[in-house]
Amino acid sequence: MKPVGKYIVIKTIEEQVKTKSGLLLSATDVDGFRYKKGVVEIPGTDVTVIEAKDVIYYDKNSGCTLVINEESYTIIQERDVVIVL
């Protein structure tokens, strides 16, 4: 699998979100967030800043999900990445 252009293949990280006081937020509350966390599996051929294994935050309304070899991947464009950790 090799993405072309500015596309990036990622695996979404499902994380539990805690408040400062230590309370876990419900899935409904977390769905209200605009950004999701993921790890880059394979960057596209024209992606220069983001590398494989980078942890990123991206716009959750972007991209699409594909199942390849029974693994679920999300395909987004480089412009949808907000933060690289």
N, C-alpha and C. Protein backbone atom coordinates (compact mmCIF):
# COMPACT_ATOMS: atom_id res chain seq x y z
N MET A 1 0.86 -1.17 0.00
CA MET A 1 0.00 0.00 0.00
C MET A 1 0.90 1.22 0.00
N LYS A 2 0.64 2.14 -0.93
CA LYS A 2 1.43 3.36 -1.02
C LYS A 2 0.52 4.52 -1.44
N PRO A 3 0.25 5.45 -0.53
CA PRO A 3 -0.58 6.60 -0.89
C PRO A 3 0.17 7.54 -1.83
N VAL A 4 -0.55 8.15 -2.73
CA VAL A 4 0.08 9.08 -3.68
C VAL A 4 -0.30 10.52 -3.34
N GLY A 5 0.54 11.43 -3.76
CA GLY A 5 0.27 12.85 -3.57
C GLY A 5 0.32 13.25 -2.10
N LYS A 6 -0.64 14.06 -1.70
CA LYS A 6 -0.70 14.62 -0.35
C LYS A 6 -1.55 13.80 0.61
N TYR A 7 -1.87 12.55 0.25
CA TYR A 7 -2.68 11.70 1.12
C TYR A 7 -1.81 11.01 2.17
N ILE A 8 -2.42 10.74 3.32
CA ILE A 8 -1.72 10.11 4.44
C ILE A 8 -2.61 8.98 4.96
N VAL A 9 -2.00 7.82 5.19
CA VAL A 9 -2.70 6.68 5.78
C VAL A 9 -2.42 6.69 7.27
N ILE A 10 -3.48 6.70 8.08
CA ILE A 10 -3.31 6.74 9.54
C ILE A 10 -4.16 5.67 10.21
N LYS A 11 -3.79 5.37 11.45
CA LYS A 11 -4.60 4.53 12.34
C LYS A 11 -5.10 5.48 13.43
N THR A 12 -6.40 5.51 13.62
CA THR A 12 -6.99 6.37 14.64
C THR A 12 -6.69 5.81 16.02
N ILE A 13 -6.36 6.69 16.94
CA ILE A 13 -6.11 6.31 18.33
C ILE A 13 -7.36 6.66 19.13
N GLU A 14 -7.98 5.64 19.70
CA GLU A 14 -9.15 5.87 20.57
C GLU A 14 -8.62 6.13 21.97
N GLU A 15 -8.82 7.34 22.44
CA GLU A 15 -8.29 7.70 23.75
C GLU A 15 -9.40 8.06 24.72
N GLN A 16 -9.13 7.81 26.00
CA GLN A 16 -10.05 8.23 27.04
C GLN A 16 -9.66 9.65 27.43
N VAL A 17 -10.65 10.52 27.49
CA VAL A 17 -10.40 11.92 27.80
C VAL A 17 -10.82 12.18 29.24
N LYS A 18 -9.89 12.73 30.02
CA LYS A 18 -10.15 13.05 31.42
C LYS A 18 -10.15 14.56 31.61
N THR A 19 -10.97 15.01 32.55
CA THR A 19 -10.95 16.41 32.95
C THR A 19 -9.79 16.61 33.92
N LYS A 20 -9.51 17.85 34.28
CA LYS A 20 -8.44 18.13 35.24
C LYS A 20 -8.70 17.46 36.58
N SER A 21 -9.97 17.30 36.93
CA SER A 21 -10.29 16.67 38.22
C SER A 21 -10.26 15.14 38.15
N GLY A 22 -10.00 14.58 36.95
CA GLY A 22 -9.87 13.13 36.82
C GLY A 22 -11.11 12.40 36.35
N LEU A 23 -12.18 13.13 36.02
CA LEU A 23 -13.40 12.48 35.53
C LEU A 23 -13.23 12.10 34.06
N LEU A 24 -13.67 10.89 33.71
CA LEU A 24 -13.66 10.47 32.32
C LEU A 24 -14.87 11.03 31.59
N LEU A 25 -14.64 11.58 30.39
CA LEU A 25 -15.75 12.09 29.60
C LEU A 25 -16.42 10.95 28.86
N SER A 26 -17.72 11.07 28.65
CA SER A 26 -18.46 10.03 27.94
C SER A 26 -18.15 10.11 26.45
N ALA A 27 -18.49 9.05 25.72
CA ALA A 27 -18.28 9.02 24.27
C ALA A 27 -19.06 10.15 23.59
N THR A 28 -20.21 10.49 24.12
CA THR A 28 -21.02 11.57 23.56
C THR A 28 -20.29 12.90 23.68
N ASP A 29 -19.67 13.15 24.84
CA ASP A 29 -18.92 14.39 25.04
C ASP A 29 -17.70 14.45 24.12
N VAL A 30 -17.01 13.32 23.98
CA VAL A 30 -15.81 13.27 23.14
C VAL A 30 -16.17 13.48 21.68
N ASP A 31 -17.34 13.00 21.24
CA ASP A 31 -17.78 13.20 19.86
C ASP A 31 -17.96 14.67 19.53
N GLY A 32 -18.12 15.51 20.54
CA GLY A 32 -18.25 16.94 20.31
C GLY A 32 -16.94 17.63 19.96
N PHE A 33 -15.83 16.96 20.18
CA PHE A 33 -14.54 17.54 19.84
C PHE A 33 -14.36 17.55 18.33
N ARG A 34 -13.70 18.56 17.81
CA ARG A 34 -13.52 18.67 16.37
C ARG A 34 -12.35 17.84 15.85
N TYR A 35 -11.37 17.56 16.70
CA TYR A 35 -10.17 16.88 16.24
C TYR A 35 -10.01 15.51 16.87
N LYS A 36 -9.38 14.59 16.11
CA LYS A 36 -9.10 13.25 16.59
C LYS A 36 -7.60 13.02 16.55
N LYS A 37 -7.16 12.02 17.29
CA LYS A 37 -5.75 11.69 17.37
C LYS A 37 -5.48 10.44 16.55
N GLY A 38 -4.33 10.40 15.89
CA GLY A 38 -3.97 9.23 15.10
C GLY A 38 -2.47 9.11 14.96
N VAL A 39 -2.03 7.95 14.48
CA VAL A 39 -0.61 7.72 14.22
C VAL A 39 -0.45 7.47 12.72
N VAL A 40 0.54 8.12 12.13
CA VAL A 40 0.77 8.01 10.70
C VAL A 40 1.37 6.64 10.38
N GLU A 41 0.72 5.91 9.51
CA GLU A 41 1.23 4.62 9.04
C GLU A 41 2.14 4.85 7.83
N ILE A 42 1.61 5.53 6.80
CA ILE A 42 2.37 5.77 5.58
C ILE A 42 2.01 7.16 5.04
N PRO A 43 2.99 8.06 4.92
CA PRO A 43 2.71 9.36 4.28
C PRO A 43 2.75 9.22 2.76
N GLY A 44 2.04 10.09 2.07
CA GLY A 44 2.00 10.06 0.61
C GLY A 44 3.32 10.49 -0.02
N THR A 45 3.40 10.35 -1.33
CA THR A 45 4.63 10.63 -2.06
C THR A 45 5.02 12.10 -2.05
N ASP A 46 4.06 13.01 -1.89
CA ASP A 46 4.35 14.45 -1.89
C ASP A 46 4.30 15.07 -0.49
N VAL A 47 4.20 14.27 0.55
CA VAL A 47 4.15 14.78 1.93
C VAL A 47 5.59 14.93 2.41
N THR A 48 5.96 16.15 2.84
CA THR A 48 7.35 16.40 3.22
C THR A 48 7.57 16.59 4.71
N VAL A 49 6.57 17.08 5.42
CA VAL A 49 6.75 17.42 6.83
C VAL A 49 6.41 16.26 7.76
N ILE A 50 5.45 15.46 7.39
CA ILE A 50 4.94 14.39 8.25
C ILE A 50 5.59 13.07 7.85
N GLU A 51 6.02 12.32 8.87
CA GLU A 51 6.70 11.05 8.62
C GLU A 51 5.93 9.90 9.27
N ALA A 52 6.27 8.68 8.86
CA ALA A 52 5.66 7.49 9.46
C ALA A 52 5.93 7.48 10.95
N LYS A 53 4.96 7.02 11.73
CA LYS A 53 5.01 6.90 13.20
C LYS A 53 4.79 8.23 13.92
N ASP A 54 4.60 9.34 13.19
CA ASP A 54 4.27 10.60 13.85
C ASP A 54 2.86 10.50 14.44
N VAL A 55 2.67 11.07 15.60
CA VAL A 55 1.34 11.16 16.22
C VAL A 55 0.78 12.52 15.84
N ILE A 56 -0.45 12.53 15.32
CA ILE A 56 -1.05 13.76 14.82
C ILE A 56 -2.45 13.96 15.37
N TYR A 57 -2.91 15.20 15.30
CA TYR A 57 -4.32 15.53 15.48
C TYR A 57 -4.83 16.01 14.13
N TYR A 58 -6.01 15.53 13.74
CA TYR A 58 -6.57 15.88 12.43
C TYR A 58 -8.06 16.15 12.57
N ASP A 59 -8.60 16.86 11.59
CA ASP A 59 -10.02 17.19 11.56
C ASP A 59 -10.83 15.91 11.40
N LYS A 60 -11.71 15.63 12.37
CA LYS A 60 -12.44 14.35 12.36
C LYS A 60 -13.45 14.26 11.21
N ASN A 61 -13.82 15.37 10.61
CA ASN A 61 -14.79 15.37 9.52
C ASN A 61 -14.14 15.13 8.16
N SER A 62 -12.85 14.93 8.13
CA SER A 62 -12.15 14.76 6.87
C SER A 62 -11.82 13.30 6.62
N GLY A 63 -11.50 13.01 5.38
CA GLY A 63 -11.02 11.68 5.02
C GLY A 63 -12.09 10.62 4.95
N CYS A 64 -11.62 9.39 4.79
CA CYS A 64 -12.51 8.24 4.72
C CYS A 64 -11.81 7.06 5.37
N THR A 65 -12.60 6.04 5.70
CA THR A 65 -12.05 4.85 6.34
C THR A 65 -12.10 3.69 5.36
N LEU A 66 -10.99 2.96 5.29
CA LEU A 66 -10.90 1.78 4.43
C LEU A 66 -10.50 0.58 5.26
N VAL A 67 -10.97 -0.59 4.86
CA VAL A 67 -10.55 -1.83 5.51
C VAL A 67 -9.70 -2.58 4.50
N ILE A 68 -8.42 -2.78 4.85
CA ILE A 68 -7.47 -3.49 4.00
C ILE A 68 -6.86 -4.61 4.81
N ASN A 69 -6.98 -5.83 4.31
CA ASN A 69 -6.47 -7.02 5.03
C ASN A 69 -6.99 -7.08 6.46
N GLU A 70 -8.29 -6.80 6.61
CA GLU A 70 -8.98 -6.84 7.90
C GLU A 70 -8.48 -5.81 8.91
N GLU A 71 -7.75 -4.81 8.46
CA GLU A 71 -7.30 -3.70 9.30
C GLU A 71 -8.01 -2.43 8.84
N SER A 72 -8.44 -1.61 9.78
CA SER A 72 -9.13 -0.37 9.47
C SER A 72 -8.13 0.79 9.43
N TYR A 73 -8.12 1.53 8.33
CA TYR A 73 -7.24 2.68 8.15
C TYR A 73 -8.07 3.90 7.78
N THR A 74 -7.59 5.07 8.15
CA THR A 74 -8.22 6.32 7.74
C THR A 74 -7.28 7.01 6.77
N ILE A 75 -7.84 7.51 5.66
CA ILE A 75 -7.07 8.21 4.65
C ILE A 75 -7.47 9.68 4.71
N ILE A 76 -6.48 10.55 4.98
CA ILE A 76 -6.74 11.99 5.04
C ILE A 76 -5.75 12.71 4.14
N GLN A 77 -5.98 13.99 3.93
CA GLN A 77 -5.04 14.80 3.18
C GLN A 77 -4.14 15.55 4.16
N GLU A 78 -2.97 15.92 3.70
CA GLU A 78 -2.00 16.62 4.54
C GLU A 78 -2.60 17.90 5.12
N ARG A 79 -3.44 18.59 4.37
CA ARG A 79 -4.02 19.86 4.83
C ARG A 79 -4.95 19.69 6.03
N ASP A 80 -5.42 18.45 6.29
CA ASP A 80 -6.32 18.18 7.41
C ASP A 80 -5.59 17.98 8.74
N VAL A 81 -4.27 17.90 8.69
CA VAL A 81 -3.47 17.72 9.92
C VAL A 81 -3.34 19.08 10.59
N VAL A 82 -3.62 19.10 11.89
CA VAL A 82 -3.57 20.35 12.66
C VAL A 82 -2.29 20.42 13.48
N ILE A 83 -1.92 19.31 14.12
CA ILE A 83 -0.75 19.28 15.00
C ILE A 83 0.01 17.98 14.80
N VAL A 84 1.34 18.07 14.76
CA VAL A 84 2.21 16.89 14.76
C VAL A 84 2.92 16.89 16.11
N LEU A 85 2.77 15.80 16.85
CA LEU A 85 3.41 15.71 18.18
C LEU A 85 4.80 15.13 18.06
